[in-house]
Amino acid sequence: MVGENGDMSDAPSGENYRFFNHSACEFYPCHDMPAEDLNCLFCFCPLYRLGEDCGGNFTYVNGADGARIKDCSACTVPHRRENYDYIIGRLASR
């Protein structure tokens, strides 16, 4: 929206889209952290595809076929309210 001065001062900030807590989810809570900080927006981590460069706390486990699989169960990077800009920035740089 263009403001009265022809600028974007009246434009929506997008702040309402930065955080979502889905307390009705059958897997909730998926991490041991305060509900007011548990962001479900990136439930399926968009950084997973970055492999070892995701910036999260992960380990590798062996799958049934012996292949190494990233285990991100201890990682809370995508679930922390304050990491929205980090995640969007990482995706934009790819």
PDB file of N, CA and C in Angstrom:
ATOM      1  N   MET A   1       0.832  -1.174   0.000  1.00  0.00           N
ATOM      2  CA  MET A   1       0.000   0.000   0.000  1.00  0.00           C
ATOM      3  C   MET A   1       0.879   1.241   0.000  1.00  0.00           C
ATOM      4  N   VAL A   2       0.558   2.153  -0.823  1.00  0.00           N
ATOM      5  CA  VAL A   2       1.305   3.403  -0.877  1.00  0.00           C
ATOM      6  C   VAL A   2       0.691   4.373   0.119  1.00  0.00           C
ATOM      7  N   GLY A   3       1.537   4.970   0.951  1.00  0.00           N
ATOM      8  CA  GLY A   3       1.083   5.920   1.966  1.00  0.00           C
ATOM      9  C   GLY A   3       0.720   7.264   1.358  1.00  0.00           C
ATOM     10  N   GLU A   4       0.253   8.171   2.221  1.00  0.00           N
ATOM     11  CA  GLU A   4      -0.153   9.506   1.777  1.00  0.00           C
ATOM     12  C   GLU A   4       0.991  10.276   1.130  1.00  0.00           C
ATOM     13  N   ASN A   5       2.211  10.003   1.553  1.00  0.00           N
ATOM     14  CA  ASN A   5       3.377  10.706   1.015  1.00  0.00           C
ATOM     15  C   ASN A   5       3.981   9.994  -0.193  1.00  0.00           C
ATOM     16  N   GLY A   6       3.284   9.005  -0.727  1.00  0.00           N
ATOM     17  CA  GLY A   6       3.796   8.270  -1.873  1.00  0.00           C
ATOM     18  C   GLY A   6       4.844   7.236  -1.508  1.00  0.00           C
ATOM     19  N   ASP A   7       5.014   6.964  -0.211  1.00  0.00           N
ATOM     20  CA  ASP A   7       5.994   5.966   0.220  1.00  0.00           C
ATOM     21  C   ASP A   7       5.269   4.689   0.643  1.00  0.00           C
ATOM     22  N   MET A   8       6.009   3.771   1.196  1.00  0.00           N
ATOM     23  CA  MET A   8       5.429   2.489   1.609  1.00  0.00           C
ATOM     24  C   MET A   8       5.159   2.446   3.113  1.00  0.00           C
ATOM     25  N   SER A   9       4.979   3.602   3.752  1.00  0.00           N
ATOM     26  CA  SER A   9       4.813   3.649   5.200  1.00  0.00           C
ATOM     27  C   SER A   9       3.566   2.924   5.683  1.00  0.00           C
ATOM     28  N   ASP A  10       2.567   2.786   4.843  1.00  0.00           N
ATOM     29  CA  ASP A  10       1.347   2.096   5.238  1.00  0.00           C
ATOM     30  C   ASP A  10       1.331   0.631   4.798  1.00  0.00           C
ATOM     31  N   ALA A  11       2.426   0.168   4.241  1.00  0.00           N
ATOM     32  CA  ALA A  11       2.496  -1.221   3.767  1.00  0.00           C
ATOM     33  C   ALA A  11       2.517  -2.175   4.953  1.00  0.00           C
ATOM     34  N   PRO A  12       1.883  -3.316   4.817  1.00  0.00           N
ATOM     35  CA  PRO A  12       1.935  -4.311   5.891  1.00  0.00           C
ATOM     36  C   PRO A  12       3.379  -4.717   6.168  1.00  0.00           C
ATOM     37  N   SER A  13       3.690  -4.947   7.427  1.00  0.00           N
ATOM     38  CA  SER A  13       5.067  -5.285   7.802  1.00  0.00           C
ATOM     39  C   SER A  13       5.388  -6.757   7.601  1.00  0.00           C
ATOM     40  N   GLY A  14       4.371  -7.597   7.546  1.00  0.00           N
ATOM     41  CA  GLY A  14       4.612  -9.031   7.416  1.00  0.00           C
ATOM     42  C   GLY A  14       4.934  -9.701   8.732  1.00  0.00           C
ATOM     43  N   GLU A  15       4.891  -8.948   9.820  1.00  0.00           N
ATOM     44  CA  GLU A  15       5.232  -9.502  11.131  1.00  0.00           C
ATOM     45  C   GLU A  15       4.313 -10.655  11.524  1.00  0.00           C
ATOM     46  N   ASN A  16       3.074 -10.658  11.071  1.00  0.00           N
ATOM     47  CA  ASN A  16       2.132 -11.711  11.445  1.00  0.00           C
ATOM     48  C   ASN A  16       2.438 -13.046  10.777  1.00  0.00           C
ATOM     49  N   TYR A  17       3.322 -13.049   9.803  1.00  0.00           N
ATOM     50  CA  TYR A  17       3.646 -14.274   9.078  1.00  0.00           C
ATOM     51  C   TYR A  17       4.950 -14.897   9.535  1.00  0.00           C
ATOM     52  N   ARG A  18       5.592 -14.326  10.537  1.00  0.00           N
ATOM     53  CA  ARG A  18       6.899 -14.779  10.998  1.00  0.00           C
ATOM     54  C   ARG A  18       6.815 -15.890  12.035  1.00  0.00           C
ATOM     55  N   PHE A  19       5.654 -16.079  12.631  1.00  0.00           N
ATOM     56  CA  PHE A  19       5.527 -17.025  13.737  1.00  0.00           C
ATOM     57  C   PHE A  19       4.175 -17.710  13.682  1.00  0.00           C
ATOM     58  N   PHE A  20       4.187 -19.016  13.916  1.00  0.00           N
ATOM     59  CA  PHE A  20       2.957 -19.804  13.959  1.00  0.00           C
ATOM     60  C   PHE A  20       3.170 -20.937  14.945  1.00  0.00           C
ATOM     61  N   ASN A  21       2.292 -21.058  15.928  1.00  0.00           N
ATOM     62  CA  ASN A  21       2.386 -22.133  16.913  1.00  0.00           C
ATOM     63  C   ASN A  21       1.159 -23.016  16.747  1.00  0.00           C
ATOM     64  N   HIS A  22       1.366 -24.246  16.327  1.00  0.00           N
ATOM     65  CA  HIS A  22       0.271 -25.179  16.021  1.00  0.00           C
ATOM     66  C   HIS A  22       0.077 -26.147  17.186  1.00  0.00           C
ATOM     67  N   SER A  23      -0.480 -25.645  18.260  1.00  0.00           N
ATOM     68  CA  SER A  23      -0.623 -26.453  19.473  1.00  0.00           C
ATOM     69  C   SER A  23      -1.616 -27.607  19.313  1.00  0.00           C
ATOM     70  N   ALA A  24      -2.428 -27.606  18.264  1.00  0.00           N
ATOM     71  CA  ALA A  24      -3.370 -28.701  18.030  1.00  0.00           C
ATOM     72  C   ALA A  24      -2.741 -29.859  17.251  1.00  0.00           C
ATOM     73  N   CYS A  25      -1.492 -29.716  16.830  1.00  0.00           N
ATOM     74  CA  CYS A  25      -0.808 -30.767  16.070  1.00  0.00           C
ATOM     75  C   CYS A  25      -0.648 -32.027  16.919  1.00  0.00           C
ATOM     76  N   GLU A  26      -0.836 -33.167  16.317  1.00  0.00           N
ATOM     77  CA  GLU A  26      -0.704 -34.435  17.050  1.00  0.00           C
ATOM     78  C   GLU A  26       0.723 -34.712  17.506  1.00  0.00           C
ATOM     79  N   PHE A  27       1.687 -34.019  16.962  1.00  0.00           N
ATOM     80  CA  PHE A  27       3.086 -34.200  17.357  1.00  0.00           C
ATOM     81  C   PHE A  27       3.572 -33.099  18.296  1.00  0.00           C
ATOM     82  N   TYR A  28       2.699 -32.186  18.660  1.00  0.00           N
ATOM     83  CA  TYR A  28       3.053 -31.042  19.502  1.00  0.00           C
ATOM     84  C   TYR A  28       3.146 -31.447  20.964  1.00  0.00           C
ATOM     85  N   PRO A  29       4.127 -31.007  21.675  1.00  0.00           N
ATOM     86  CA  PRO A  29       5.297 -30.281  21.197  1.00  0.00           C
ATOM     87  C   PRO A  29       6.342 -31.254  20.671  1.00  0.00           C
ATOM     88  N   CYS A  30       7.017 -30.879  19.635  1.00  0.00           N
ATOM     89  CA  CYS A  30       8.030 -31.745  19.030  1.00  0.00           C
ATOM     90  C   CYS A  30       9.405 -31.511  19.643  1.00  0.00           C
ATOM     91  N   HIS A  31       9.574 -30.392  20.336  1.00  0.00           N
ATOM     92  CA  HIS A  31      10.841 -30.063  20.991  1.00  0.00           C
ATOM     93  C   HIS A  31      10.549 -29.531  22.382  1.00  0.00           C
ATOM     94  N   ASP A  32      11.467 -29.763  23.297  1.00  0.00           N
ATOM     95  CA  ASP A  32      11.325 -29.301  24.670  1.00  0.00           C
ATOM     96  C   ASP A  32      11.774 -27.848  24.757  1.00  0.00           C
ATOM     97  N   MET A  33      10.829 -26.960  24.517  1.00  0.00           N
ATOM     98  CA  MET A  33      11.108 -25.527  24.584  1.00  0.00           C
ATOM     99  C   MET A  33       9.808 -24.809  24.916  1.00  0.00           C
ATOM    100  N   PRO A  34       9.882 -23.585  25.431  1.00  0.00           N
ATOM    101  CA  PRO A  34       8.660 -22.860  25.801  1.00  0.00           C
ATOM    102  C   PRO A  34       7.717 -22.669  24.611  1.00  0.00           C
ATOM    103  N   ALA A  35       6.427 -22.876  24.843  1.00  0.00           N
ATOM    104  CA  ALA A  35       5.427 -22.770  23.781  1.00  0.00           C
ATOM    105  C   ALA A  35       5.447 -21.406  23.103  1.00  0.00           C
ATOM    106  N   GLU A  36       5.726 -20.347  23.856  1.00  0.00           N
ATOM    107  CA  GLU A  36       5.727 -19.009  23.257  1.00  0.00           C
ATOM    108  C   GLU A  36       6.894 -18.798  22.298  1.00  0.00           C
ATOM    109  N   ASP A  37       7.869 -19.709  22.310  1.00  0.00           N
ATOM    110  CA  ASP A  37       9.014 -19.628  21.402  1.00  0.00           C
ATOM    111  C   ASP A  37       9.002 -20.703  20.325  1.00  0.00           C
ATOM    112  N   LEU A  38       8.119 -21.694  20.438  1.00  0.00           N
ATOM    113  CA  LEU A  38       8.096 -22.830  19.511  1.00  0.00           C
ATOM    114  C   LEU A  38       7.368 -22.445  18.222  1.00  0.00           C
ATOM    115  N   ASN A  39       8.136 -22.136  17.194  1.00  0.00           N
ATOM    116  CA  ASN A  39       7.600 -21.712  15.906  1.00  0.00           C
ATOM    117  C   ASN A  39       7.406 -22.926  15.005  1.00  0.00           C
ATOM    118  N   CYS A  40       6.176 -23.176  14.625  1.00  0.00           N
ATOM    119  CA  CYS A  40       5.852 -24.324  13.775  1.00  0.00           C
ATOM    120  C   CYS A  40       5.842 -23.953  12.284  1.00  0.00           C
ATOM    121  N   LEU A  41       6.158 -22.711  11.973  1.00  0.00           N
ATOM    122  CA  LEU A  41       6.142 -22.241  10.589  1.00  0.00           C
ATOM    123  C   LEU A  41       7.032 -23.087   9.687  1.00  0.00           C
ATOM    124  N   PHE A  42       8.211 -23.445  10.184  1.00  0.00           N
ATOM    125  CA  PHE A  42       9.144 -24.253   9.402  1.00  0.00           C
ATOM    126  C   PHE A  42       9.200 -25.675   9.958  1.00  0.00           C
ATOM    127  N   CYS A  43       8.052 -26.283  10.160  1.00  0.00           N
ATOM    128  CA  CYS A  43       7.966 -27.620  10.750  1.00  0.00           C
ATOM    129  C   CYS A  43       8.870 -28.601  10.006  1.00  0.00           C
ATOM    130  N   PHE A  44       8.758 -28.635   8.699  1.00  0.00           N
ATOM    131  CA  PHE A  44       9.668 -29.432   7.885  1.00  0.00           C
ATOM    132  C   PHE A  44      10.771 -28.483   7.447  1.00  0.00           C
ATOM    133  N   CYS A  45      11.925 -28.620   8.041  1.00  0.00           N
ATOM    134  CA  CYS A  45      13.002 -27.637   7.912  1.00  0.00           C
ATOM    135  C   CYS A  45      13.403 -27.385   6.456  1.00  0.00           C
ATOM    136  N   PRO A  46      13.283 -26.152   6.003  1.00  0.00           N
ATOM    137  CA  PRO A  46      13.693 -25.834   4.637  1.00  0.00           C
ATOM    138  C   PRO A  46      15.212 -25.835   4.457  1.00  0.00           C
ATOM    139  N   LEU A  47      15.958 -25.897   5.561  1.00  0.00           N
ATOM    140  CA  LEU A  47      17.420 -25.908   5.475  1.00  0.00           C
ATOM    141  C   LEU A  47      17.985 -27.322   5.354  1.00  0.00           C
ATOM    142  N   TYR A  48      17.141 -28.333   5.492  1.00  0.00           N
ATOM    143  CA  TYR A  48      17.598 -29.725   5.430  1.00  0.00           C
ATOM    144  C   TYR A  48      18.381 -29.989   4.147  1.00  0.00           C
ATOM    145  N   ARG A  49      17.912 -29.466   3.055  1.00  0.00           N
ATOM    146  CA  ARG A  49      18.542 -29.710   1.744  1.00  0.00           C
ATOM    147  C   ARG A  49      19.932 -29.105   1.629  1.00  0.00           C
ATOM    148  N   LEU A  50      20.312 -28.244   2.575  1.00  0.00           N
ATOM    149  CA  LEU A  50      21.640 -27.643   2.543  1.00  0.00           C
ATOM    150  C   LEU A  50      22.703 -28.577   3.107  1.00  0.00           C
ATOM    151  N   GLY A  51      22.289 -29.751   3.549  1.00  0.00           N
ATOM    152  CA  GLY A  51      23.238 -30.739   4.063  1.00  0.00           C
ATOM    153  C   GLY A  51      23.993 -30.231   5.271  1.00  0.00           C
ATOM    154  N   GLU A  52      25.299 -30.396   5.260  1.00  0.00           N
ATOM    155  CA  GLU A  52      26.120 -30.003   6.402  1.00  0.00           C
ATOM    156  C   GLU A  52      26.211 -28.492   6.570  1.00  0.00           C
ATOM    157  N   ASP A  53      25.768 -27.738   5.586  1.00  0.00           N
ATOM    158  CA  ASP A  53      25.826 -26.275   5.644  1.00  0.00           C
ATOM    159  C   ASP A  53      24.547 -25.639   6.181  1.00  0.00           C
ATOM    160  N   CYS A  54      23.679 -26.432   6.779  1.00  0.00           N
ATOM    161  CA  CYS A  54      22.398 -25.896   7.240  1.00  0.00           C
ATOM    162  C   CYS A  54      22.541 -24.976   8.447  1.00  0.00           C
ATOM    163  N   GLY A  55      23.583 -25.179   9.238  1.00  0.00           N
ATOM    164  CA  GLY A  55      23.781 -24.348  10.420  1.00  0.00           C
ATOM    165  C   GLY A  55      23.096 -24.872  11.662  1.00  0.00           C
ATOM    166  N   GLY A  56      22.487 -26.032  11.562  1.00  0.00           N
ATOM    167  CA  GLY A  56      21.772 -26.599  12.705  1.00  0.00           C
ATOM    168  C   GLY A  56      22.570 -27.651  13.450  1.00  0.00           C
ATOM    169  N   ASN A  57      21.973 -28.142  14.518  1.00  0.00           N
ATOM    170  CA  ASN A  57      22.568 -29.166  15.369  1.00  0.00           C
ATOM    171  C   ASN A  57      22.023 -30.526  14.925  1.00  0.00           C
ATOM    172  N   PHE A  58      22.783 -31.246  14.147  1.00  0.00           N
ATOM    173  CA  PHE A  58      22.320 -32.536  13.629  1.00  0.00           C
ATOM    174  C   PHE A  58      23.411 -33.584  13.788  1.00  0.00           C
ATOM    175  N   THR A  59      23.006 -34.825  13.635  1.00  0.00           N
ATOM    176  CA  THR A  59      23.941 -35.949  13.600  1.00  0.00           C
ATOM    177  C   THR A  59      23.555 -36.788  12.389  1.00  0.00           C
ATOM    178  N   TYR A  60      24.330 -37.816  12.133  1.00  0.00           N
ATOM    179  CA  TYR A  60      23.974 -38.763  11.080  1.00  0.00           C
ATOM    180  C   TYR A  60      23.650 -40.103  11.719  1.00  0.00           C
ATOM    181  N   VAL A  61      22.649 -40.767  11.188  1.00  0.00           N
ATOM    182  CA  VAL A  61      22.305 -42.124  11.591  1.00  0.00           C
ATOM    183  C   VAL A  61      22.337 -42.986  10.338  1.00  0.00           C
ATOM    184  N   ASN A  62      22.444 -44.280  10.532  1.00  0.00           N
ATOM    185  CA  ASN A  62      22.429 -45.212   9.403  1.00  0.00           C
ATOM    186  C   ASN A  62      21.009 -45.688   9.147  1.00  0.00           C
ATOM    187  N   GLY A  63      20.576 -45.554   7.908  1.00  0.00           N
ATOM    188  CA  GLY A  63      19.263 -46.033   7.526  1.00  0.00           C
ATOM    189  C   GLY A  63      19.262 -47.546   7.391  1.00  0.00           C
ATOM    190  N   ALA A  64      18.101 -48.120   7.152  1.00  0.00           N
ATOM    191  CA  ALA A  64      17.962 -49.570   7.016  1.00  0.00           C
ATOM    192  C   ALA A  64      18.839 -50.118   5.902  1.00  0.00           C
ATOM    193  N   ASP A  65      19.074 -49.309   4.874  1.00  0.00           N
ATOM    194  CA  ASP A  65      19.910 -49.749   3.757  1.00  0.00           C
ATOM    195  C   ASP A  65      21.381 -49.387   3.958  1.00  0.00           C
ATOM    196  N   GLY A  66      21.710 -48.849   5.138  1.00  0.00           N
ATOM    197  CA  GLY A  66      23.086 -48.485   5.446  1.00  0.00           C
ATOM    198  C   GLY A  66      23.469 -47.072   5.042  1.00  0.00           C
ATOM    199  N   ALA A  67      22.572 -46.381   4.339  1.00  0.00           N
ATOM    200  CA  ALA A  67      22.853 -45.005   3.919  1.00  0.00           C
ATOM    201  C   ALA A  67      22.810 -44.067   5.122  1.00  0.00           C
ATOM    202  N   ARG A  68      23.669 -43.046   5.086  1.00  0.00           N
ATOM    203  CA  ARG A  68      23.665 -42.052   6.161  1.00  0.00           C
ATOM    204  C   ARG A  68      22.509 -41.071   5.956  1.00  0.00           C
ATOM    205  N   ILE A  69      21.803 -40.828   7.034  1.00  0.00           N
ATOM    206  CA  ILE A  69      20.649 -39.932   7.005  1.00  0.00           C
ATOM    207  C   ILE A  69      20.834 -38.875   8.083  1.00  0.00           C
ATOM    208  N   LYS A  70      20.546 -37.631   7.746  1.00  0.00           N
ATOM    209  CA  LYS A  70      20.618 -36.562   8.739  1.00  0.00           C
ATOM    210  C   LYS A  70      19.523 -36.755   9.776  1.00  0.00           C
ATOM    211  N   ASP A  71      19.912 -36.716  11.041  1.00  0.00           N
ATOM    212  CA  ASP A  71      18.965 -36.773  12.150  1.00  0.00           C
ATOM    213  C   ASP A  71      18.937 -35.390  12.786  1.00  0.00           C
ATOM    214  N   CYS A  72      17.867 -34.684  12.587  1.00  0.00           N
ATOM    215  CA  CYS A  72      17.745 -33.302  13.063  1.00  0.00           C
ATOM    216  C   CYS A  72      16.860 -33.201  14.306  1.00  0.00           C
ATOM    217  N   SER A  73      16.597 -34.324  14.958  1.00  0.00           N
ATOM    218  CA  SER A  73      15.664 -34.317  16.081  1.00  0.00           C
ATOM    219  C   SER A  73      16.115 -33.453  17.253  1.00  0.00           C
ATOM    220  N   ALA A  74      17.402 -33.200  17.396  1.00  0.00           N
ATOM    221  CA  ALA A  74      17.895 -32.352  18.489  1.00  0.00           C
ATOM    222  C   ALA A  74      18.027 -30.886  18.071  1.00  0.00           C
ATOM    223  N   CYS A  75      17.723 -30.585  16.836  1.00  0.00           N
ATOM    224  CA  CYS A  75      17.906 -29.224  16.317  1.00  0.00           C
ATOM    225  C   CYS A  75      16.644 -28.387  16.517  1.00  0.00           C
ATOM    226  N   THR A  76      16.816 -27.194  17.033  1.00  0.00           N
ATOM    227  CA  THR A  76      15.682 -26.282  17.203  1.00  0.00           C
ATOM    228  C   THR A  76      15.825 -25.010  16.362  1.00  0.00           C
ATOM    229  N   VAL A  77      16.803 -24.959  15.477  1.00  0.00           N
ATOM    230  CA  VAL A  77      17.022 -23.753  14.662  1.00  0.00           C
ATOM    231  C   VAL A  77      15.739 -23.306  13.949  1.00  0.00           C
ATOM    232  N   PRO A  78      15.029 -24.175  13.219  1.00  0.00           N
ATOM    233  CA  PRO A  78      13.846 -23.693  12.503  1.00  0.00           C
ATOM    234  C   PRO A  78      12.663 -23.401  13.419  1.00  0.00           C
ATOM    235  N   HIS A  79      12.730 -23.845  14.667  1.00  0.00           N
ATOM    236  CA  HIS A  79      11.600 -23.700  15.582  1.00  0.00           C
ATOM    237  C   HIS A  79      11.722 -22.519  16.529  1.00  0.00           C
ATOM    238  N   ARG A  80      12.815 -21.811  16.485  1.00  0.00           N
ATOM    239  CA  ARG A  80      13.000 -20.656  17.373  1.00  0.00           C
ATOM    240  C   ARG A  80      12.502 -19.385  16.688  1.00  0.00           C
ATOM    241  N   ARG A  81      11.681 -18.684  17.402  1.00  0.00           N
ATOM    242  CA  ARG A  81      11.063 -17.451  16.904  1.00  0.00           C
ATOM    243  C   ARG A  81      12.092 -16.497  16.292  1.00  0.00           C
ATOM    244  N   GLU A  82      13.228 -16.355  16.943  1.00  0.00           N
ATOM    245  CA  GLU A  82      14.239 -15.371  16.522  1.00  0.00           C
ATOM    246  C   GLU A  82      15.022 -15.787  15.275  1.00  0.00           C
ATOM    247  N   ASN A  83      14.830 -17.006  14.776  1.00  0.00           N
ATOM    248  CA  ASN A  83      15.606 -17.486  13.629  1.00  0.00           C
ATOM    249  C   ASN A  83      14.918 -17.303  12.276  1.00  0.00           C
ATOM    250  N   TYR A  84      13.777 -16.642  12.241  1.00  0.00           N
ATOM    251  CA  TYR A  84      13.069 -16.436  10.973  1.00  0.00           C
ATOM    252  C   TYR A  84      13.969 -15.756   9.937  1.00  0.00           C
ATOM    253  N   ASP A  85      14.593 -14.649  10.318  1.00  0.00           N
ATOM    254  CA  ASP A  85      15.442 -13.912   9.370  1.00  0.00           C
ATOM    255  C   ASP A  85      16.640 -14.745   8.921  1.00  0.00           C
ATOM    256  N   TYR A  86      17.194 -15.545   9.829  1.00  0.00           N
ATOM    257  CA  TYR A  86      18.321 -16.417   9.477  1.00  0.00           C
ATOM    258  C   TYR A  86      17.901 -17.404   8.384  1.00  0.00           C
ATOM    259  N   ILE A  87      16.758 -18.043   8.574  1.00  0.00           N
ATOM    260  CA  ILE A  87      16.294 -19.052   7.617  1.00  0.00           C
ATOM    261  C   ILE A  87      15.978 -18.414   6.262  1.00  0.00           C
ATOM    262  N   ILE A  88      15.251 -17.317   6.273  1.00  0.00           N
ATOM    263  CA  ILE A  88      14.912 -16.638   5.020  1.00  0.00           C
ATOM    264  C   ILE A  88      16.184 -16.178   4.312  1.00  0.00           C
ATOM    265  N   GLY A  89      17.140 -15.678   5.070  1.00  0.00           N
ATOM    266  CA  GLY A  89      18.413 -15.244   4.488  1.00  0.00           C
ATOM    267  C   GLY A  89      19.185 -16.382   3.860  1.00  0.00           C
ATOM    268  N   ARG A  90      19.213 -17.529   4.526  1.00  0.00           N
ATOM    269  CA  ARG A  90      19.915 -18.695   3.979  1.00  0.00           C
ATOM    270  C   ARG A  90      19.248 -19.173   2.697  1.00  0.00           C
ATOM    271  N   LEU A  91      17.931 -19.175   2.666  1.00  0.00           N
ATOM    272  CA  LEU A  91      17.219 -19.607   1.463  1.00  0.00           C
ATOM    273  C   LEU A  91      17.424 -18.619   0.316  1.00  0.00           C
ATOM    274  N   ALA A  92      17.442 -17.346   0.624  1.00  0.00           N
ATOM    275  CA  ALA A  92      17.619 -16.318  -0.404  1.00  0.00           C
ATOM    276  C   ALA A  92      19.022 -16.350  -1.002  1.00  0.00           C
ATOM    277  N   SER A  93      19.996 -16.810  -0.225  1.00  0.00           N
ATOM    278  CA  SER A  93      21.377 -16.828  -0.719  1.00  0.00           C
ATOM    279  C   SER A  93      21.679 -18.045  -1.581  1.00  0.00           C
ATOM    280  N   ARG A  94      20.755 -18.960  -1.689  1.00  0.00           N
ATOM    281  CA  ARG A  94      20.960 -20.185  -2.480  1.00  0.00           C
ATOM    282  C   ARG A  94      20.432 -20.027  -3.846  1.00  0.00           C
TER     283      ARG A  94
END
